[in-house]
Structure formats: C-alpha cells, structure tokens
Amino acid sequence: MAEKRKFKKRYCKYCEAKIDFIDYKDVESYKHSLSERYKIMPRRLTGNCKKHQDMVTDAIKKARQIALIPYVVDRKSVVPTAFEAL
C-alpha cells in the first residue's frame, strides 16, 4: 500500500500577525490570496483560517468594484507576477 504523503501544515498569516480587519484599499495585504489571473485562491492553498478568508474575499470583491484590481485577465495579457501591471 502506498504511503500517505505528509504535508507541511499551513498557518494563517493574518492570525500570526494578529490582524483583526482587512481593508480593501490595502492591496498589498491580500495580494498573496490572488492567483496570476486575479482569481481568489482557496483556503487549502493559502492556509488562511475561515474568518480571515471571508474577510479577504470581501475585501477583494470590494476592491474589484472600485477598480483597484481587475475582474478578469485575458490569456494574452497574463503577467508572471500578479501585481506587476499595477
């Protein structure tokens, strides 16, 4: 039988920094939660706890509405790092 892989446990970056509120205007605080196409990454990849993941999601959605970050990125205009174009 194959051995089960042991993965390193991911920790919530916001809990370690003791952040209570994630502001939508501070793009630098939640940029690691976006993929290269500006999609919101899931908790299992970012390591965020549920409370902070919900705050990050709300902040990203508000930032999209006021055009701080784009909704969609075309295949042709994908950049290597997500915030290179900003």
Protein backbone atom coordinates (compact mmCIF):
# COMPACT_ATOMS: atom_id res chain seq x y z
CA MET A 1 0.00 0.00 0.00
CA ALA A 2 1.27 3.46 -0.87
CA GLU A 3 2.46 5.67 1.92
CA LYS A 4 0.39 8.69 2.77
CA ARG A 5 2.11 11.98 1.95
CA LYS A 6 2.77 14.27 4.84
CA PHE A 7 2.32 17.93 4.01
CA LYS A 8 3.54 20.87 5.98
CA LYS A 9 0.68 22.48 7.89
CA ARG A 10 -0.13 25.93 6.58
CA TYR A 11 -0.78 28.68 9.07
CA CYS A 12 -2.96 31.73 8.72
CA LYS A 13 -0.72 34.73 8.05
CA TYR A 14 -3.33 37.07 9.47
CA CYS A 15 -3.68 35.18 12.76
CA GLU A 16 0.10 35.17 13.23
CA ALA A 17 0.21 38.93 12.62
CA LYS A 18 -2.88 39.41 14.84
CA ILE A 19 -4.80 41.34 12.20
CA ASP A 20 -8.44 41.99 13.11
CA PHE A 21 -9.62 43.71 9.93
CA ILE A 22 -8.51 43.51 6.30
CA ASP A 23 -9.02 46.78 4.45
CA TYR A 24 -9.99 46.63 0.78
CA LYS A 25 -7.84 49.70 -0.01
CA ASP A 26 -4.64 47.97 1.12
CA VAL A 27 -3.94 45.75 -1.90
CA GLU A 28 -0.55 44.62 -0.56
CA SER A 29 -2.17 42.88 2.41
CA TYR A 30 -4.22 40.39 0.37
CA LYS A 31 -2.21 40.05 -2.84
CA HIS A 32 -0.90 36.58 -1.85
CA SER A 33 -4.53 35.38 -1.91
CA LEU A 34 -4.86 36.07 -5.66
CA SER A 35 -3.64 33.89 -8.50
CA GLU A 36 -1.80 35.20 -11.58
CA ARG A 37 -5.19 35.69 -13.25
CA TYR A 38 -6.50 37.58 -10.23
CA LYS A 39 -8.74 34.74 -9.07
CA ILE A 40 -9.30 34.25 -5.35
CA MET A 41 -7.27 31.29 -4.13
CA PRO A 42 -8.97 28.76 -1.80
CA ARG A 43 -8.18 28.28 1.88
CA ARG A 44 -6.44 24.98 1.33
CA LEU A 45 -3.81 26.74 -0.82
CA THR A 46 -3.38 29.98 1.13
CA GLY A 47 -3.63 28.48 4.62
CA ASN A 48 -5.99 31.18 5.86
CA CYS A 49 -8.50 30.42 8.60
CA LYS A 50 -12.19 30.72 7.78
CA LYS A 51 -12.64 34.09 9.46
CA HIS A 52 -9.75 35.71 7.62
CA GLN A 53 -10.54 34.01 4.31
CA ASP A 54 -14.04 35.51 4.45
CA MET A 55 -12.54 38.95 5.16
CA VAL A 56 -10.07 38.56 2.28
CA THR A 57 -12.86 37.52 -0.07
CA ASP A 58 -14.99 40.51 0.88
CA ALA A 59 -12.02 42.89 0.54
CA ILE A 60 -11.14 41.54 -2.92
CA LYS A 61 -14.74 41.83 -4.10
CA LYS A 62 -14.96 45.44 -2.87
CA ALA A 63 -11.61 46.27 -4.50
CA ARG A 64 -12.87 44.83 -7.78
CA GLN A 65 -15.97 47.01 -7.65
CA ILE A 66 -13.97 50.22 -7.33
CA ALA A 67 -11.41 49.02 -9.91
CA LEU A 68 -8.35 48.58 -7.67
CA ILE A 69 -7.88 45.09 -9.12
CA PRO A 70 -9.36 43.66 -12.35
CA TYR A 71 -12.19 41.15 -12.54
CA VAL A 72 -10.80 39.12 -15.44
CA VAL A 73 -7.42 38.85 -17.13
CA ASP A 74 -7.23 37.57 -20.71
CA ARG A 75 -4.96 34.70 -21.65
CA LYS A 76 -2.94 37.06 -23.80
CA SER A 77 -2.31 39.59 -21.05
CA VAL A 78 -1.39 37.25 -18.18
CA VAL A 79 1.63 38.59 -16.31
CA PRO A 80 4.21 36.44 -14.47
CA THR A 81 3.55 38.18 -11.15
CA ALA A 82 0.04 39.22 -10.25
CA PHE A 83 0.82 42.81 -9.29
CA GLU A 84 3.40 43.65 -11.94
CA ALA A 85 0.91 45.56 -14.06
CA LEU A 86 -0.44 47.71 -11.22
